[in-house]
Amino acid sequence: VEPHTTTVEVGDEFIVDIYVNSVENLYTWQIKLYYNESVFTCLEAWLPSDNVFAYSIPLIPPPMIEGNYTLVGATLMGSEWPFTGCGTLCKIRFRALESGNCTLLFDDVDTFLLTSSMKSMDFKPVNGFAEACLPDFNNDGIVDSTDIALIARAFGMRQGDQGWNPVFDINRDSKINMIDIAKTARAYGGSS
């Protein structure tokens, strides 16, 4: 999973890439990724145009998006040349529903890589971690006028300025601007 760790605000979307490193003779793959459905929902899963089988026309069944997991896979057909190297298998888009976190966990049985002779490849899936949080700057459990006032006082600050506090940089772009304030305002009334 790339990025390995993701932190977003409640209501935001994020994409994770599922990729392989140093594979040889990859003909078929399938991943089943579990997540906490009360914190995150899966919106879609797809093979990007630069996926590992982009040089061919693979068979790609529609992704299965169920409550707490997503199942995606693809296979080459006939005598197509298997993939060797590093690359992206698929991408998965999530939305944060509420404050919380979870491991993006690969299923040990339903996640596999197969060679052209249909033999299972040895590999070690690397799970990811996702966290969704509210901009509750004073940690009282609710986004309220106090939080709005705190971020408003930080408006215009940049990383390196005296008094800089990265907690107010909601979108992590090294400055506090109206995007950060708007994301806080959007969460107004939210509680953790």
Protein backbone atom coordinates (compact mmCIF):
# COMPACT_ATOMS: atom_id res chain seq x y z
CA VAL A 1 0.00 0.00 0.00
CA GLU A 2 1.37 3.40 -0.94
CA PRO A 3 1.34 5.71 0.85
CA HIS A 4 1.96 3.39 3.78
CA THR A 5 0.41 5.85 6.27
CA THR A 6 -2.39 8.28 5.41
CA THR A 7 -3.95 10.94 7.62
CA VAL A 8 -6.98 12.85 6.35
CA GLU A 9 -9.78 14.99 7.71
CA VAL A 10 -13.26 13.55 8.11
CA GLY A 11 -15.07 13.98 4.78
CA ASP A 12 -11.88 13.94 2.69
CA GLU A 13 -11.04 11.36 0.05
CA PHE A 14 -7.70 9.67 -0.50
CA ILE A 15 -6.24 7.15 -2.93
CA VAL A 16 -3.92 4.28 -2.16
CA ASP A 17 -1.80 2.50 -4.76
CA ILE A 18 -1.40 -1.25 -4.57
CA TYR A 19 1.91 -2.17 -6.17
CA VAL A 20 4.44 -4.94 -6.54
CA ASN A 21 8.22 -4.82 -6.30
CA SER A 22 10.59 -7.10 -8.18
CA VAL A 23 8.18 -9.74 -9.46
CA GLU A 24 9.00 -12.21 -12.22
CA ASN A 25 6.57 -13.97 -14.53
CA LEU A 26 3.39 -12.34 -13.10
CA TYR A 27 0.36 -13.59 -15.02
CA THR A 28 -2.53 -13.22 -12.55
CA TRP A 29 -3.07 -11.22 -9.37
CA GLN A 30 -5.81 -10.66 -6.83
CA ILE A 31 -5.94 -8.49 -3.71
CA LYS A 32 -8.48 -8.40 -0.93
CA LEU A 33 -8.04 -5.38 1.32
CA TYR A 34 -9.91 -5.01 4.62
CA TYR A 35 -10.63 -1.67 6.36
CA ASN A 36 -12.82 -0.29 9.15
CA GLU A 37 -16.12 0.47 7.40
CA SER A 38 -17.34 2.71 10.22
CA VAL A 39 -14.39 5.08 9.62
CA PHE A 40 -13.78 4.69 5.85
CA THR A 41 -15.86 3.78 2.83
CA CYS A 42 -14.43 2.55 -0.45
CA LEU A 43 -15.68 4.63 -3.37
CA GLU A 44 -13.98 2.86 -6.26
CA ALA A 45 -11.12 0.60 -7.32
CA TRP A 46 -9.53 0.55 -10.77
CA LEU A 47 -6.48 -0.36 -12.80
CA PRO A 48 -4.68 2.84 -13.85
CA SER A 49 -3.44 3.29 -17.40
CA ASP A 50 0.12 2.52 -16.26
CA ASN A 51 -0.75 -0.72 -14.43
CA VAL A 52 1.51 -3.78 -14.65
CA PHE A 53 -0.56 -5.27 -17.50
CA ALA A 54 -0.90 -2.01 -19.47
CA TYR A 55 1.05 -3.50 -22.41
CA SER A 56 -1.75 -6.03 -23.03
CA ILE A 57 -5.52 -6.39 -22.86
CA PRO A 58 -6.04 -8.23 -19.55
CA LEU A 59 -9.24 -9.73 -18.26
CA ILE A 60 -10.43 -7.46 -15.44
CA PRO A 61 -13.61 -8.45 -13.61
CA PRO A 62 -15.50 -5.58 -11.95
CA PRO A 63 -14.03 -4.84 -8.51
CA MET A 64 -16.09 -6.12 -5.59
CA ILE A 65 -16.65 -3.44 -2.97
CA GLU A 66 -18.34 -4.88 0.10
CA GLY A 67 -18.85 -3.37 3.56
CA ASN A 68 -15.39 -3.86 5.06
CA TYR A 69 -13.29 -5.05 2.14
CA THR A 70 -12.48 -4.51 -1.53
CA LEU A 71 -11.56 -7.34 -3.92
CA VAL A 72 -9.72 -6.51 -7.16
CA GLY A 73 -7.88 -8.69 -9.67
CA ALA A 74 -6.66 -9.11 -13.21
CA THR A 75 -5.19 -11.81 -15.43
CA LEU A 76 -3.51 -12.02 -18.77
CA MET A 77 -5.04 -14.30 -21.39
CA GLY A 78 -3.64 -17.01 -23.64
CA SER A 79 0.06 -16.83 -24.33
CA GLU A 80 0.49 -13.15 -23.43
CA TRP A 81 3.92 -12.34 -22.07
CA PRO A 82 3.93 -12.21 -18.21
CA PHE A 83 5.01 -9.09 -16.34
CA THR A 84 8.44 -8.80 -14.75
CA GLY A 85 9.50 -5.78 -12.70
CA CYS A 86 7.90 -3.26 -10.37
CA GLY A 87 4.62 -1.48 -10.87
CA THR A 88 1.08 -0.62 -9.86
CA LEU A 89 -1.60 -3.29 -9.71
CA CYS A 90 -4.54 -1.01 -8.90
CA LYS A 91 -5.70 2.11 -7.11
CA ILE A 92 -8.41 2.35 -4.46
CA ARG A 93 -10.25 5.54 -3.47
CA PHE A 94 -11.62 5.93 0.06
CA ARG A 95 -13.61 8.60 1.92
CA ALA A 96 -13.26 9.25 5.64
CA LEU A 97 -16.67 9.00 7.33
CA GLU A 98 -15.78 9.74 10.92
CA SER A 99 -12.85 10.18 13.25
CA GLY A 100 -10.82 7.01 13.82
CA ASN A 101 -8.14 4.82 12.28
CA CYS A 102 -7.53 1.37 10.90
CA THR A 103 -5.03 -0.91 9.29
CA LEU A 104 -5.52 -1.42 5.56
CA LEU A 105 -5.08 -5.16 5.86
CA PHE A 106 -4.43 -7.65 3.07
CA ASP A 107 -6.28 -10.95 3.41
CA ASP A 108 -3.76 -13.80 3.65
CA VAL A 109 -5.84 -16.24 1.58
CA ASP A 110 -7.53 -14.05 -1.01
CA THR A 111 -4.46 -11.95 -1.86
CA PHE A 112 -2.15 -13.74 -4.26
CA LEU A 113 0.17 -13.48 -7.27
CA LEU A 114 0.35 -16.29 -9.84
CA THR A 115 2.93 -17.11 -12.47
CA SER A 116 2.07 -18.09 -16.06
CA SER A 117 2.14 -21.75 -14.94
CA MET A 118 -0.49 -20.87 -12.28
CA LYS A 119 1.96 -21.36 -9.42
CA SER A 120 1.65 -19.12 -6.40
CA MET A 121 4.48 -16.61 -5.92
CA ASP A 122 6.09 -16.09 -2.55
CA PHE A 123 5.60 -12.49 -1.46
CA LYS A 124 4.95 -10.48 1.68
CA PRO A 125 2.09 -7.99 1.48
CA VAL A 126 2.77 -4.74 3.34
CA ASN A 127 -0.34 -3.41 5.04
CA GLY A 128 -1.11 0.29 5.28
CA PHE A 129 -2.56 2.52 7.98
CA ALA A 130 -5.20 5.24 7.61
CA GLU A 131 -6.39 7.78 10.12
CA ALA A 132 -9.26 10.26 9.91
CA CYS A 133 -9.41 13.15 12.31
CA LEU A 134 -11.41 16.25 13.04
CA PRO A 135 -9.78 19.69 13.39
CA ASP A 136 -10.49 19.75 17.14
CA PHE A 137 -7.50 21.90 18.09
CA ASN A 138 -8.31 22.22 21.80
CA ASN A 139 -9.10 18.49 22.13
CA ASP A 140 -12.49 18.95 23.79
CA GLY A 141 -14.15 16.36 21.52
CA ILE A 142 -16.07 18.78 19.28
CA VAL A 143 -15.23 21.20 16.48
CA ASP A 144 -16.70 24.47 17.73
CA SER A 145 -16.17 28.23 17.74
CA THR A 146 -13.05 27.85 19.88
CA ASP A 147 -11.41 25.75 17.16
CA ILE A 148 -12.48 28.27 14.49
CA ALA A 149 -10.97 31.12 16.56
CA LEU A 150 -7.71 29.20 17.06
CA ILE A 151 -7.17 28.55 13.37
CA ALA A 152 -8.27 32.08 12.45
CA ARG A 153 -5.45 33.44 14.63
CA ALA A 154 -2.97 31.29 12.68
CA PHE A 155 -4.22 32.60 9.30
CA GLY A 156 -1.35 33.67 7.03
CA MET A 157 1.39 31.84 8.91
CA ARG A 158 3.95 29.77 7.05
CA GLN A 159 6.28 27.03 8.19
CA GLY A 160 9.32 28.71 9.75
CA ASP A 161 7.35 31.72 11.04
CA GLN A 162 7.56 32.44 14.76
CA GLY A 163 4.53 30.81 16.39
CA TRP A 164 4.07 28.29 13.55
CA ASN A 165 2.04 25.27 14.65
CA PRO A 166 1.64 22.47 12.08
CA VAL A 167 -1.58 21.28 13.72
CA PHE A 168 -3.42 24.13 11.92
CA ASP A 169 -2.01 23.14 8.51
CA ILE A 170 -4.92 20.86 7.65
CA ASN A 171 -3.86 20.14 4.06
CA ARG A 172 -0.15 19.96 4.94
CA ASP A 173 1.08 22.53 2.41
CA SER A 174 3.28 24.42 4.93
CA LYS A 175 0.97 27.43 5.21
CA ILE A 176 -2.28 28.36 6.93
CA ASN A 177 -4.73 29.76 4.40
CA MET A 178 -8.44 29.75 3.63
CA ILE A 179 -8.30 26.10 2.58
CA ASP A 180 -7.35 25.13 6.13
CA ILE A 181 -9.97 27.45 7.62
CA ALA A 182 -12.67 26.17 5.22
CA LYS A 183 -11.91 22.54 6.09
CA THR A 184 -12.22 23.42 9.77
CA ALA A 185 -15.47 25.27 9.14
CA ARG A 186 -16.82 22.30 7.17
CA ALA A 187 -16.23 20.10 10.22
CA TYR A 188 -18.02 22.55 12.54
CA GLY A 189 -20.25 20.66 14.97
CA GLY A 190 -18.44 17.37 14.39
CA SER A 191 -17.44 15.33 17.41
CA SER A 192 -15.03 12.52 18.05
